[in-house]
C-alpha atoms as a PDB file:
ATOM      1  CA  UNK A   1     -72.641 -64.017 -42.307  1.00  0.00           C
ATOM      2  CA  UNK A   2     -70.824 -67.401 -41.655  1.00  0.00           C
ATOM      3  CA  UNK A   3     -69.399 -67.531 -45.408  1.00  0.00           C
ATOM      4  CA  UNK A   4     -68.266 -63.706 -44.818  1.00  0.00           C
ATOM      5  CA  UNK A   5     -66.362 -64.609 -41.881  1.00  0.00           C
ATOM      6  CA  UNK A   6     -64.648 -67.682 -44.331  1.00  0.00           C
ATOM      7  CA  UNK A   7     -64.099 -65.283 -46.621  1.00  0.00           C
ATOM      8  CA  UNK A   8     -62.097 -62.761 -44.415  1.00  0.00           C
ATOM      9  CA  UNK A   9     -60.332 -65.699 -43.144  1.00  0.00           C
ATOM     10  CA  UNK A  10     -59.249 -67.060 -46.603  1.00  0.00           C
ATOM     11  CA  UNK A  11     -58.156 -63.402 -47.367  1.00  0.00           C
ATOM     12  CA  UNK A  12     -55.923 -63.352 -44.007  1.00  0.00           C
ATOM     13  CA  UNK A  13     -54.319 -66.574 -44.866  1.00  0.00           C
ATOM     14  CA  UNK A  14     -53.493 -65.337 -48.743  1.00  0.00           C
ATOM     15  CA  UNK A  15     -51.780 -61.986 -47.844  1.00  0.00           C
ATOM     16  CA  UNK A  16     -49.733 -63.808 -45.223  1.00  0.00           C
ATOM     17  CA  UNK A  17     -48.804 -66.678 -47.892  1.00  0.00           C
ATOM     18  CA  UNK A  18     -47.653 -63.631 -50.022  1.00  0.00           C
ATOM     19  CA  UNK A  19     -46.030 -61.605 -47.155  1.00  0.00           C
ATOM     20  CA  UNK A  20     -44.157 -64.563 -46.241  1.00  0.00           C
ATOM     21  CA  UNK A  21     -42.916 -65.344 -50.074  1.00  0.00           C
ATOM     22  CA  UNK A  22     -42.065 -61.325 -50.109  1.00  0.00           C
ATOM     23  CA  UNK A  23     -40.312 -61.781 -47.221  1.00  0.00           C
ATOM     24  CA  UNK A  24     -38.367 -64.553 -47.996  1.00  0.00           C
ATOM     25  CA  UNK A  25     -37.507 -62.862 -51.494  1.00  0.00           C
ATOM     26  CA  UNK A  26     -36.180 -59.912 -49.887  1.00  0.00           C
ATOM     27  CA  UNK A  27     -33.898 -62.174 -47.718  1.00  0.00           C
ATOM     28  CA  UNK A  28     -32.415 -63.724 -50.573  1.00  0.00           C
ATOM     29  CA  UNK A  29     -32.130 -60.484 -52.266  1.00  0.00           C
ATOM     30  CA  UNK A  30     -30.370 -59.027 -49.290  1.00  0.00           C
ATOM     31  CA  UNK A  31     -28.075 -62.336 -49.295  1.00  0.00           C
ATOM     32  CA  UNK A  32     -27.592 -61.352 -52.992  1.00  0.00           C
ATOM     33  CA  UNK A  33     -26.535 -57.729 -52.245  1.00  0.00           C
ATOM     34  CA  UNK A  34     -24.454 -58.862 -49.421  1.00  0.00           C
ATOM     35  CA  UNK A  35     -22.662 -61.794 -50.848  1.00  0.00           C
ATOM     36  CA  UNK A  36     -22.630 -61.534 -54.677  1.00  0.00           C
ATOM     37  CA  UNK A  37     -21.178 -58.086 -54.571  1.00  0.00           C
ATOM     38  CA  UNK A  38     -18.875 -57.056 -58.043  1.00  0.00           C
ATOM     39  CA  UNK A  39     -17.792 -53.322 -58.500  1.00  0.00           C
ATOM     40  CA  UNK A  40     -16.260 -51.709 -61.782  1.00  0.00           C
ATOM     41  CA  UNK A  41     -13.487 -49.888 -61.989  1.00  0.00           C
ATOM     42  CA  UNK A  42     -12.296 -51.019 -58.439  1.00  0.00           C
ATOM     43  CA  UNK A  43      -9.563 -53.164 -56.841  1.00  0.00           C
ATOM     44  CA  UNK A  44      -8.412 -54.807 -53.584  1.00  0.00           C
ATOM     45  CA  UNK A  45      -4.749 -53.870 -53.173  1.00  0.00           C
ATOM     46  CA  UNK A  46      -2.081 -55.631 -51.412  1.00  0.00           C
ATOM     47  CA  UNK A  47      -3.740 -58.920 -50.308  1.00  0.00           C
ATOM     48  CA  UNK A  48      -3.075 -60.936 -53.682  1.00  0.00           C
ATOM     49  CA  UNK A  49      -2.151 -64.724 -53.595  1.00  0.00           C
ATOM     50  CA  UNK A  50      -2.385 -66.101 -56.766  1.00  0.00           C
ATOM     51  CA  UNK A  51      -2.365 -64.660 -60.373  1.00  0.00           C
ATOM     52  CA  UNK A  52      -3.829 -66.353 -63.308  1.00  0.00           C
ATOM     53  CA  UNK A  53      -5.022 -65.762 -66.706  1.00  0.00           C
ATOM     54  CA  UNK A  54      -8.550 -66.479 -67.442  1.00  0.00           C
ATOM     55  CA  UNK A  55     -10.971 -66.427 -70.668  1.00  0.00           C
ATOM     56  CA  UNK A  56     -13.707 -64.117 -68.861  1.00  0.00           C
ATOM     57  CA  UNK A  57     -14.991 -62.474 -65.425  1.00  0.00           C
ATOM     58  CA  UNK A  58     -16.992 -65.559 -64.742  1.00  0.00           C
ATOM     59  CA  UNK A  59     -14.112 -67.900 -65.166  1.00  0.00           C
ATOM     60  CA  UNK A  60     -11.984 -65.412 -62.929  1.00  0.00           C
ATOM     61  CA  UNK A  61     -14.985 -65.943 -59.940  1.00  0.00           C
ATOM     62  CA  UNK A  62     -15.244 -69.772 -60.165  1.00  0.00           C
ATOM     63  CA  UNK A  63     -11.752 -69.685 -59.961  1.00  0.00           C
ATOM     64  CA  UNK A  64     -11.240 -68.020 -57.051  1.00  0.00           C
ATOM     65  CA  UNK A  65     -14.559 -69.794 -55.443  1.00  0.00           C
ATOM     66  CA  UNK A  66     -12.605 -73.334 -55.939  1.00  0.00           C
ATOM     67  CA  UNK A  67      -9.845 -72.061 -54.110  1.00  0.00           C
ATOM     68  CA  UNK A  68      -9.189 -72.475 -50.619  1.00  0.00           C
ATOM     69  CA  UNK A  69      -8.599 -68.839 -48.720  1.00  0.00           C
ATOM     70  CA  UNK A  70      -9.665 -66.898 -52.095  1.00  0.00           C
ATOM     71  CA  UNK A  71     -12.365 -64.654 -50.769  1.00  0.00           C
ATOM     72  CA  UNK A  72     -12.447 -61.922 -53.496  1.00  0.00           C
ATOM     73  CA  UNK A  73     -10.963 -61.065 -57.135  1.00  0.00           C
ATOM     74  CA  UNK A  74      -9.604 -58.426 -59.024  1.00  0.00           C
ATOM     75  CA  UNK A  75     -10.250 -58.859 -62.983  1.00  0.00           C
ATOM     76  CA  UNK A  76      -8.478 -56.817 -65.443  1.00  0.00           C
ATOM     77  CA  UNK A  77     -10.211 -56.627 -68.436  1.00  0.00           C
ATOM     78  CA  UNK A  78      -7.711 -55.559 -71.167  1.00  0.00           C
ATOM     79  CA  UNK A  79      -5.170 -58.408 -70.042  1.00  0.00           C
ATOM     80  CA  UNK A  80      -7.877 -61.096 -69.097  1.00  0.00           C
ATOM     81  CA  UNK A  81      -5.422 -61.201 -65.944  1.00  0.00           C
ATOM     82  CA  UNK A  82      -7.602 -62.879 -62.318  1.00  0.00           C
ATOM     83  CA  UNK A  83      -5.986 -61.738 -58.869  1.00  0.00           C
ATOM     84  CA  UNK A  84      -7.451 -64.123 -56.038  1.00  0.00           C
ATOM     85  CA  UNK A  85      -7.087 -61.825 -52.725  1.00  0.00           C
ATOM     86  CA  UNK A  86      -7.031 -63.408 -49.221  1.00  0.00           C
ATOM     87  CA  UNK A  87      -9.582 -60.753 -48.005  1.00  0.00           C
ATOM     88  CA  UNK A  88     -12.312 -58.528 -49.235  1.00  0.00           C
ATOM     89  CA  UNK A  89     -13.853 -55.302 -48.652  1.00  0.00           C
ATOM     90  CA  UNK A  90     -15.872 -55.649 -46.093  1.00  0.00           C
ATOM     91  CA  UNK A  91     -13.554 -56.444 -43.531  1.00  0.00           C
ATOM     92  CA  UNK A  92     -10.589 -54.530 -45.305  1.00  0.00           C
ATOM     93  CA  UNK A  93     -12.397 -51.391 -46.723  1.00  0.00           C
ATOM     94  CA  UNK A  94      -9.284 -49.232 -46.861  1.00  0.00           C
ATOM     95  CA  UNK A  95      -7.430 -51.738 -49.316  1.00  0.00           C
ATOM     96  CA  UNK A  96     -10.529 -50.957 -51.957  1.00  0.00           C
ATOM     97  CA  UNK A  97      -9.234 -48.566 -54.190  1.00  0.00           C
ATOM     98  CA  UNK A  98     -10.888 -47.282 -57.551  1.00  0.00           C
ATOM     99  CA  UNK A  99      -8.695 -48.427 -60.497  1.00  0.00           C
ATOM    100  CA  UNK A 100     -10.074 -48.335 -64.021  1.00  0.00           C
ATOM    101  CA  UNK A 101      -9.950 -51.118 -66.081  1.00  0.00           C
ATOM    102  CA  UNK A 102     -10.643 -53.500 -62.946  1.00  0.00           C
ATOM    103  CA  UNK A 103     -13.626 -55.063 -61.515  1.00  0.00           C
ATOM    104  CA  UNK A 104     -13.846 -56.111 -58.101  1.00  0.00           C
ATOM    105  CA  UNK A 105     -15.721 -59.001 -57.200  1.00  0.00           C
ATOM    106  CA  UNK A 106     -16.624 -60.571 -53.392  1.00  0.00           C
ATOM    107  CA  UNK A 107     -16.573 -64.384 -53.409  1.00  0.00           C
ATOM    108  CA  UNK A 108     -20.171 -65.417 -52.032  1.00  0.00           C
ATOM    109  CA  UNK A 109     -18.686 -69.127 -50.696  1.00  0.00           C
ATOM    110  CA  UNK A 110     -15.390 -69.041 -49.959  1.00  0.00           C
ATOM    111  CA  UNK A 111     -13.889 -72.287 -49.050  1.00  0.00           C
ATOM    112  CA  UNK A 112     -12.820 -72.152 -45.379  1.00  0.00           C
ATOM    113  CA  UNK A 113      -8.851 -72.119 -44.745  1.00  0.00           C
ATOM    114  CA  UNK A 114      -6.802 -75.330 -44.243  1.00  0.00           C
ATOM    115  CA  UNK A 115      -6.731 -76.371 -40.598  1.00  0.00           C
ATOM    116  CA  UNK A 116      -3.381 -77.508 -40.400  1.00  0.00           C
ATOM    117  CA  UNK A 117      -0.217 -76.928 -41.792  1.00  0.00           C
ATOM    118  CA  UNK A 118      -0.252 -80.064 -44.125  1.00  0.00           C
ATOM    119  CA  UNK A 119      -3.592 -78.796 -45.859  1.00  0.00           C
ATOM    120  CA  UNK A 120      -2.261 -75.308 -45.804  1.00  0.00           C
ATOM    121  CA  UNK A 121       0.830 -76.203 -47.362  1.00  0.00           C
ATOM    122  CA  UNK A 122      -1.219 -78.945 -49.763  1.00  0.00           C
ATOM    123  CA  UNK A 123      -3.641 -76.360 -50.962  1.00  0.00           C
ATOM    124  CA  UNK A 124      -0.715 -73.828 -52.134  1.00  0.00           C
ATOM    125  CA  UNK A 125      -3.064 -70.826 -51.722  1.00  0.00           C
ATOM    126  CA  UNK A 126      -0.221 -69.015 -50.194  1.00  0.00           C
ATOM    127  CA  UNK A 127       3.386 -68.017 -50.745  1.00  0.00           C
ATOM    128  CA  UNK A 128       6.188 -68.565 -48.704  1.00  0.00           C
ATOM    129  CA  UNK A 129       8.073 -65.448 -49.188  1.00  0.00           C
ATOM    130  CA  UNK A 130       8.152 -61.967 -51.086  1.00  0.00           C
ATOM    131  CA  UNK A 131      10.153 -63.212 -54.242  1.00  0.00           C
ATOM    132  CA  UNK A 132       8.277 -65.979 -54.922  1.00  0.00           C
ATOM    133  CA  UNK A 133       5.159 -63.484 -55.291  1.00  0.00           C
ATOM    134  CA  UNK A 134       7.226 -61.143 -57.516  1.00  0.00           C
ATOM    135  CA  UNK A 135       8.194 -64.194 -59.607  1.00  0.00           C
ATOM    136  CA  UNK A 136       4.261 -65.155 -60.459  1.00  0.00           C
ATOM    137  CA  UNK A 137       3.228 -61.364 -60.288  1.00  0.00           C
ATOM    138  CA  UNK A 138       5.871 -59.724 -62.081  1.00  0.00           C
ATOM    139  CA  UNK A 139       3.234 -56.917 -61.766  1.00  0.00           C
ATOM    140  CA  UNK A 140       2.927 -57.044 -57.993  1.00  0.00           C
ATOM    141  CA  UNK A 141       2.675 -53.689 -56.277  1.00  0.00           C
ATOM    142  CA  UNK A 142       4.997 -53.031 -53.107  1.00  0.00           C
ATOM    143  CA  UNK A 143       2.974 -53.583 -49.637  1.00  0.00           C
ATOM    144  CA  UNK A 144       1.658 -56.076 -47.560  1.00  0.00           C
ATOM    145  CA  UNK A 145       0.813 -59.647 -48.503  1.00  0.00           C
ATOM    146  CA  UNK A 146      -0.058 -62.589 -46.393  1.00  0.00           C
ATOM    147  CA  UNK A 147       2.662 -64.824 -46.743  1.00  0.00           C
ATOM    148  CA  UNK A 148       2.964 -68.676 -44.970  1.00  0.00           C
ATOM    149  CA  UNK A 149       6.097 -68.668 -43.006  1.00  0.00           C
ATOM    150  CA  UNK A 150       7.215 -72.002 -41.280  1.00  0.00           C
ATOM    151  CA  UNK A 151       3.261 -73.245 -41.209  1.00  0.00           C
ATOM    152  CA  UNK A 152       1.780 -69.659 -40.001  1.00  0.00           C
ATOM    153  CA  UNK A 153       0.330 -67.069 -42.530  1.00  0.00           C
ATOM    154  CA  UNK A 154       2.138 -63.807 -41.266  1.00  0.00           C
ATOM    155  CA  UNK A 155       1.420 -60.202 -43.133  1.00  0.00           C
ATOM    156  CA  UNK A 156       4.704 -59.133 -44.654  1.00  0.00           C
ATOM    157  CA  UNK A 157       5.920 -56.055 -46.463  1.00  0.00           C
ATOM    158  CA  UNK A 158       7.069 -56.906 -49.536  1.00  0.00           C
ATOM    159  CA  UNK A 159       9.440 -54.547 -51.516  1.00  0.00           C
ATOM    160  CA  UNK A 160       8.675 -55.069 -55.368  1.00  0.00           C
ATOM    161  CA  UNK A 161      10.078 -51.958 -56.796  1.00  0.00           C
ATOM    162  CA  UNK A 162      13.864 -52.059 -55.711  1.00  0.00           C
ATOM    163  CA  UNK A 163      16.291 -54.041 -57.175  1.00  0.00           C
ATOM    164  CA  UNK A 164      14.025 -56.310 -58.816  1.00  0.00           C
ATOM    165  CA  UNK A 165      11.700 -56.518 -56.190  1.00  0.00           C
ATOM    166  CA  UNK A 166      10.793 -59.660 -54.006  1.00  0.00           C
ATOM    167  CA  UNK A 167      12.321 -58.593 -50.986  1.00  0.00           C
ATOM    168  CA  UNK A 168      10.671 -59.529 -47.430  1.00  0.00           C
ATOM    169  CA  UNK A 169      11.019 -56.591 -44.948  1.00  0.00           C
ATOM    170  CA  UNK A 170      12.470 -58.682 -41.675  1.00  0.00           C
ATOM    171  CA  UNK A 171      14.217 -56.285 -39.342  1.00  0.00           C
ATOM    172  CA  UNK A 172      13.944 -52.697 -38.506  1.00  0.00           C
ATOM    173  CA  UNK A 173      16.734 -50.974 -36.559  1.00  0.00           C
ATOM    174  CA  UNK A 174      16.543 -48.386 -34.392  1.00  0.00           C
ATOM    175  CA  UNK A 175      19.822 -46.294 -33.918  1.00  0.00           C
ATOM    176  CA  UNK A 176      19.210 -46.253 -29.936  1.00  0.00           C
ATOM    177  CA  UNK A 177      19.302 -49.515 -29.083  1.00  0.00           C
ATOM    178  CA  UNK A 178      20.705 -53.145 -29.345  1.00  0.00           C
ATOM    179  CA  UNK A 179      17.248 -55.087 -29.625  1.00  0.00           C
ATOM    180  CA  UNK A 180      18.056 -56.464 -33.370  1.00  0.00           C
ATOM    181  CA  UNK A 181      20.588 -58.503 -31.586  1.00  0.00           C
ATOM    182  CA  UNK A 182      17.832 -60.409 -30.235  1.00  0.00           C
ATOM    183  CA  UNK A 183      17.337 -64.186 -31.795  1.00  0.00           C
ATOM    184  CA  UNK A 184      13.507 -64.190 -30.835  1.00  0.00           C
ATOM    185  CA  UNK A 185      11.273 -61.975 -32.336  1.00  0.00           C
ATOM    186  CA  UNK A 186      11.149 -58.672 -30.907  1.00  0.00           C
ATOM    187  CA  UNK A 187       8.480 -55.352 -30.112  1.00  0.00           C
ATOM    188  CA  UNK A 188       6.205 -56.938 -33.414  1.00  0.00           C
ATOM    189  CA  UNK A 189       3.669 -54.392 -34.500  1.00  0.00           C
ATOM    190  CA  UNK A 190       0.838 -57.163 -33.606  1.00  0.00           C
ATOM    191  CA  UNK A 191       0.868 -61.356 -33.457  1.00  0.00           C
ATOM    192  CA  UNK A 192       0.648 -61.659 -37.542  1.00  0.00           C
ATOM    193  CA  UNK A 193       2.326 -58.546 -38.500  1.00  0.00           C
ATOM    194  CA  UNK A 194       5.783 -57.704 -37.028  1.00  0.00           C
ATOM    195  CA  UNK A 195       7.694 -55.225 -39.129  1.00  0.00           C
ATOM    196  CA  UNK A 196       5.714 -52.494 -40.914  1.00  0.00           C
ATOM    197  CA  UNK A 197       7.587 -49.910 -43.329  1.00  0.00           C
ATOM    198  CA  UNK A 198       8.333 -46.748 -41.501  1.00  0.00           C
ATOM    199  CA  UNK A 199       9.513 -43.391 -42.358  1.00  0.00           C
ATOM    200  CA  UNK A 200      11.563 -41.042 -39.975  1.00  0.00           C
ATOM    201  CA  UNK A 201      12.753 -42.358 -36.746  1.00  0.00           C
ATOM    202  CA  UNK A 202      12.522 -45.903 -36.740  1.00  0.00           C
ATOM    203  CA  UNK A 203      11.605 -48.302 -33.962  1.00  0.00           C
ATOM    204  CA  UNK A 204      13.437 -51.661 -33.482  1.00  0.00           C
ATOM    205  CA  UNK A 205      11.130 -54.879 -34.412  1.00  0.00           C
ATOM    206  CA  UNK A 206      12.483 -57.877 -35.645  1.00  0.00           C
ATOM    207  CA  UNK A 207      11.124 -61.421 -36.710  1.00  0.00           C
ATOM    208  CA  UNK A 208      12.567 -64.264 -34.896  1.00  0.00           C
ATOM    209  CA  UNK A 209      15.680 -65.783 -36.923  1.00  0.00           C
ATOM    210  CA  UNK A 210      13.657 -68.810 -37.935  1.00  0.00           C
ATOM    211  CA  UNK A 211      11.221 -67.064 -39.693  1.00  0.00           C
ATOM    212  CA  UNK A 212      14.079 -64.708 -41.040  1.00  0.00           C
ATOM    213  CA  UNK A 213      15.799 -68.079 -42.434  1.00  0.00           C
ATOM    214  CA  UNK A 214      12.494 -69.367 -44.017  1.00  0.00           C
ATOM    215  CA  UNK A 215      11.888 -65.925 -45.908  1.00  0.00           C
ATOM    216  CA  UNK A 216      15.356 -65.685 -47.302  1.00  0.00           C
ATOM    217  CA  UNK A 217      15.227 -69.194 -48.729  1.00  0.00           C
ATOM    218  CA  UNK A 218      14.565 -68.199 -52.315  1.00  0.00           C
ATOM    219  CA  UNK A 219      18.050 -66.352 -53.183  1.00  0.00           C
ATOM    220  CA  UNK A 220      19.878 -66.022 -49.624  1.00  0.00           C
ATOM    221  CA  UNK A 221      20.606 -62.459 -50.021  1.00  0.00           C
ATOM    222  CA  UNK A 222      20.600 -59.830 -46.864  1.00  0.00           C
ATOM    223  CA  UNK A 223      20.169 -56.359 -47.605  1.00  0.00           C
ATOM    224  CA  UNK A 224      20.293 -53.283 -45.539  1.00  0.00           C
ATOM    225  CA  UNK A 225      18.951 -50.040 -46.331  1.00  0.00           C
ATOM    226  CA  UNK A 226      20.724 -47.203 -43.816  1.00  0.00           C
ATOM    227  CA  UNK A 227      18.484 -44.535 -43.470  1.00  0.00           C
ATOM    228  CA  UNK A 228      17.996 -41.001 -42.310  1.00  0.00           C
ATOM    229  CA  UNK A 229      14.805 -39.647 -41.017  1.00  0.00           C
ATOM    230  CA  UNK A 230      13.884 -38.831 -44.478  1.00  0.00           C
ATOM    231  CA  UNK A 231      15.430 -40.916 -47.299  1.00  0.00           C
ATOM    232  CA  UNK A 232      17.782 -44.176 -47.662  1.00  0.00           C
ATOM    233  CA  UNK A 233      21.604 -43.094 -47.233  1.00  0.00           C
ATOM    234  CA  UNK A 234      23.085 -46.086 -48.834  1.00  0.00           C
ATOM    235  CA  UNK A 235      22.152 -49.859 -49.596  1.00  0.00           C
ATOM    236  CA  UNK A 236      24.726 -53.098 -49.580  1.00  0.00           C
ATOM    237  CA  UNK A 237      24.208 -56.757 -49.423  1.00  0.00           C
ATOM    238  CA  UNK A 238      25.236 -59.533 -48.079  1.00  0.00           C
ATOM    239  CA  UNK A 239      25.232 -63.479 -48.381  1.00  0.00           C
ATOM    240  CA  UNK A 240      25.985 -66.332 -45.888  1.00  0.00           C
ATOM    241  CA  UNK A 241      28.389 -68.834 -47.348  1.00  0.00           C
ATOM    242  CA  UNK A 242      26.684 -71.609 -46.005  1.00  0.00           C
ATOM    243  CA  UNK A 243      23.381 -70.638 -46.366  1.00  0.00           C
ATOM    244  CA  UNK A 244      20.720 -68.212 -45.119  1.00  0.00           C
ATOM    245  CA  UNK A 245      19.856 -70.386 -42.479  1.00  0.00           C
ATOM    246  CA  UNK A 246      22.972 -69.354 -40.774  1.00  0.00           C
ATOM    247  CA  UNK A 247      22.004 -66.072 -39.794  1.00  0.00           C
ATOM    248  CA  UNK A 248      21.792 -65.665 -36.186  1.00  0.00           C
ATOM    249  CA  UNK A 249      21.219 -62.267 -34.584  1.00  0.00           C
ATOM    250  CA  UNK A 250      22.907 -62.964 -31.397  1.00  0.00           C
ATOM    251  CA  UNK A 251      26.403 -64.437 -32.761  1.00  0.00           C
ATOM    252  CA  UNK A 252      29.864 -62.482 -32.631  1.00  0.00           C
ATOM    253  CA  UNK A 253      33.135 -62.716 -34.048  1.00  0.00           C
ATOM    254  CA  UNK A 254      34.289 -66.342 -35.622  1.00  0.00           C
ATOM    255  CA  UNK A 255      31.001 -67.690 -33.977  1.00  0.00           C
ATOM    256  CA  UNK A 256      29.292 -65.589 -37.012  1.00  0.00           C
ATOM    257  CA  UNK A 257      28.612 -67.545 -40.579  1.00  0.00           C
ATOM    258  CA  UNK A 258      31.211 -66.714 -43.053  1.00  0.00           C
ATOM    259  CA  UNK A 259      29.835 -63.885 -45.673  1.00  0.00           C
ATOM    260  CA  UNK A 260      30.600 -62.581 -48.839  1.00  0.00           C
ATOM    261  CA  UNK A 261      29.671 -58.839 -49.262  1.00  0.00           C
ATOM    262  CA  UNK A 262      28.485 -56.604 -52.429  1.00  0.00           C
ATOM    263  CA  UNK A 263      28.116 -52.773 -52.561  1.00  0.00           C
ATOM    264  CA  UNK A 264      26.258 -52.546 -55.577  1.00  0.00           C
ATOM    265  CA  UNK A 265      23.329 -54.051 -57.679  1.00  0.00           C
ATOM    266  CA  UNK A 266      23.142 -56.150 -59.679  1.00  0.00           C
ATOM    267  CA  UNK A 267      25.473 -57.869 -57.233  1.00  0.00           C
ATOM    268  CA  UNK A 268      29.599 -58.039 -57.376  1.00  0.00           C
ATOM    269  CA  UNK A 269      30.465 -60.195 -54.673  1.00  0.00           C
ATOM    270  CA  UNK A 270      33.472 -59.101 -52.711  1.00  0.00           C
ATOM    271  CA  UNK A 271      35.311 -61.528 -50.638  1.00  0.00           C
ATOM    272  CA  UNK A 272      39.339 -61.973 -48.926  1.00  0.00           C
ATOM    273  CA  UNK A 273      41.771 -64.483 -49.920  1.00  0.00           C
ATOM    274  CA  UNK A 274      39.731 -67.644 -48.902  1.00  0.00           C
ATOM    275  CA  UNK A 275      37.333 -66.955 -51.897  1.00  0.00           C
ATOM    276  CA  UNK A 276      33.606 -66.621 -53.136  1.00  0.00           C
ATOM    277  CA  UNK A 277      32.655 -69.871 -52.018  1.00  0.00           C
ATOM    278  CA  UNK A 278      34.003 -69.801 -48.541  1.00  0.00           C
ATOM    279  CA  UNK A 279      33.852 -66.369 -47.781  1.00  0.00           C
ATOM    280  CA  UNK A 280      35.376 -64.161 -44.788  1.00  0.00           C
ATOM    281  CA  UNK A 281      35.034 -64.246 -40.770  1.00  0.00           C
ATOM    282  CA  UNK A 282      34.073 -60.609 -39.201  1.00  0.00           C
ATOM    283  CA  UNK A 283      36.730 -59.690 -37.254  1.00  0.00           C
ATOM    284  CA  UNK A 284      36.923 -60.086 -33.001  1.00  0.00           C
ATOM    285  CA  UNK A 285      34.109 -60.970 -30.392  1.00  0.00           C
ATOM    286  CA  UNK A 286      32.653 -57.213 -30.169  1.00  0.00           C
ATOM    287  CA  UNK A 287      31.599 -57.646 -33.729  1.00  0.00           C
ATOM    288  CA  UNK A 288      28.351 -58.955 -34.269  1.00  0.00           C
ATOM    289  CA  UNK A 289      26.952 -60.512 -37.780  1.00  0.00           C
ATOM    290  CA  UNK A 290      28.119 -58.885 -40.396  1.00  0.00           C
ATOM    291  CA  UNK A 291      30.433 -55.945 -41.403  1.00  0.00           C
ATOM    292  CA  UNK A 292      32.843 -55.205 -44.500  1.00  0.00           C
ATOM    293  CA  UNK A 293      35.939 -56.163 -43.382  1.00  0.00           C
ATOM    294  CA  UNK A 294      37.407 -59.833 -41.885  1.00  0.00           C
ATOM    295  CA  UNK A 295      39.436 -60.955 -38.691  1.00  0.00           C
ATOM    296  CA  UNK A 296      43.140 -61.157 -40.601  1.00  0.00           C
ATOM    297  CA  UNK A 297      43.239 -64.669 -41.460  1.00  0.00           C
ATOM    298  CA  UNK A 298      44.899 -63.823 -44.720  1.00  0.00           C
ATOM    299  CA  UNK A 299      47.669 -62.116 -42.938  1.00  0.00           C
ATOM    300  CA  UNK A 300      46.511 -58.740 -42.688  1.00  0.00           C
ATOM    301  CA  UNK A 301      42.940 -57.312 -42.370  1.00  0.00           C
ATOM    302  CA  UNK A 302      41.159 -57.395 -45.565  1.00  0.00           C
ATOM    303  CA  UNK A 303      38.366 -54.713 -46.122  1.00  0.00           C
ATOM    304  CA  UNK A 304      35.739 -54.016 -48.796  1.00  0.00           C
ATOM    305  CA  UNK A 305      36.019 -51.276 -51.364  1.00  0.00           C
ATOM    306  CA  UNK A 306      33.663 -49.209 -49.748  1.00  0.00           C
ATOM    307  CA  UNK A 307      34.279 -49.648 -46.268  1.00  0.00           C
ATOM    308  CA  UNK A 308      36.359 -46.472 -45.981  1.00  0.00           C
ATOM    309  CA  UNK A 309      33.685 -44.671 -47.542  1.00  0.00           C
ATOM    310  CA  UNK A 310      31.034 -43.834 -45.510  1.00  0.00           C
ATOM    311  CA  UNK A 311      29.364 -47.049 -46.872  1.00  0.00           C
ATOM    312  CA  UNK A 312      29.821 -49.509 -43.850  1.00  0.00           C
ATOM    313  CA  UNK A 313      27.009 -51.948 -42.322  1.00  0.00           C
ATOM    314  CA  UNK A 314      28.433 -53.482 -38.858  1.00  0.00           C
ATOM    315  CA  UNK A 315      25.496 -54.911 -37.773  1.00  0.00           C
ATOM    316  CA  UNK A 316      26.651 -54.481 -34.263  1.00  0.00           C
ATOM    317  CA  UNK A 317      29.539 -53.719 -31.932  1.00  0.00           C
ATOM    318  CA  UNK A 318      30.071 -53.770 -28.238  1.00  0.00           C
ATOM    319  CA  UNK A 319      28.930 -50.815 -26.224  1.00  0.00           C
ATOM    320  CA  UNK A 320      27.308 -49.068 -29.485  1.00  0.00           C
ATOM    321  CA  UNK A 321      23.612 -48.929 -30.198  1.00  0.00           C
ATOM    322  CA  UNK A 322      22.029 -49.456 -33.767  1.00  0.00           C
ATOM    323  CA  UNK A 323      24.161 -50.353 -37.018  1.00  0.00           C
ATOM    324  CA  UNK A 324      27.761 -49.204 -36.063  1.00  0.00           C
ATOM    325  CA  UNK A 325      27.939 -46.537 -35.035  1.00  0.00           C
ATOM    326  CA  UNK A 326      24.581 -45.330 -34.300  1.00  0.00           C
ATOM    327  CA  UNK A 327      22.519 -45.644 -37.250  1.00  0.00           C
ATOM    328  CA  UNK A 328      19.003 -46.774 -38.490  1.00  0.00           C
ATOM    329  CA  UNK A 329      18.119 -48.820 -41.012  1.00  0.00           C
ATOM    330  CA  UNK A 330      15.852 -51.847 -42.472  1.00  0.00           C
ATOM    331  CA  UNK A 331      17.123 -55.579 -43.205  1.00  0.00           C
ATOM    332  CA  UNK A 332      15.199 -57.134 -46.094  1.00  0.00           C
ATOM    333  CA  UNK A 333      15.691 -60.718 -47.443  1.00  0.00           C
ATOM    334  CA  UNK A 334      15.119 -62.395 -50.268  1.00  0.00           C
END
């Protein structure tokens, strides 16, 4: 009887031990399923922070695991291109799309993001404007990218297709108000994503001037797409003679930076008698920021070639709304 009891106890203990082992392995398997996840013929879009050539998928995933901020990777099999992403499909499921020839892999052990500005800049996982993304990733698609702007990570819409790409969307201008003349950020979509690309009747949204300066630092060009509710009507370009850091959304008249203008791309810059390096001032105190004619400093009014061809972008004028007069549009910088 005593031996029988001991035998039953032994069986129970062995069973418990096996159950514990099974549970541990099941837990490990669950973790593996959750973290070590790859999906063939899929790609996470709009979150690439870096693109490198690697020998194989394993090298790509190792590269991601060693890069701070890399949460997943897309591996293009034919070209052996490894795209490292700042997001993964669990938190960004809508960005995971079927695309043949790619293997998506979720990083099992993402390194923590840097904790301060110095660490962020030294680790260099983030680009500082859309132009740099385009430079490093020539085939990058238009969409949202995480960009390091003045030490903070922001989501920026990057136009990677028009006018050779690399354009950061900084302001959407409503035809019914003057909120684009505010120097600070205005009506941002959320705390990290200020100006989404929109169609139809545009709502005024604007990044603060200092952030616009940073995004325009690559080339220093300001691009305006004047739009209807269905299409872009025309586009033109400005540069400020002393650099993009002189952009001031609240300036008027001669307090605004000198500028040059191009109605076409590739650029053909136009200017008054002061020359391309010096540029021209916009007219009197009611004229705001950008325009296609000067303040008559050369003895008579100077006007750009398409000024009278309904291709004018006067950023603002007293007693009017939107781009003069009552027009809407988007301002990109590069």
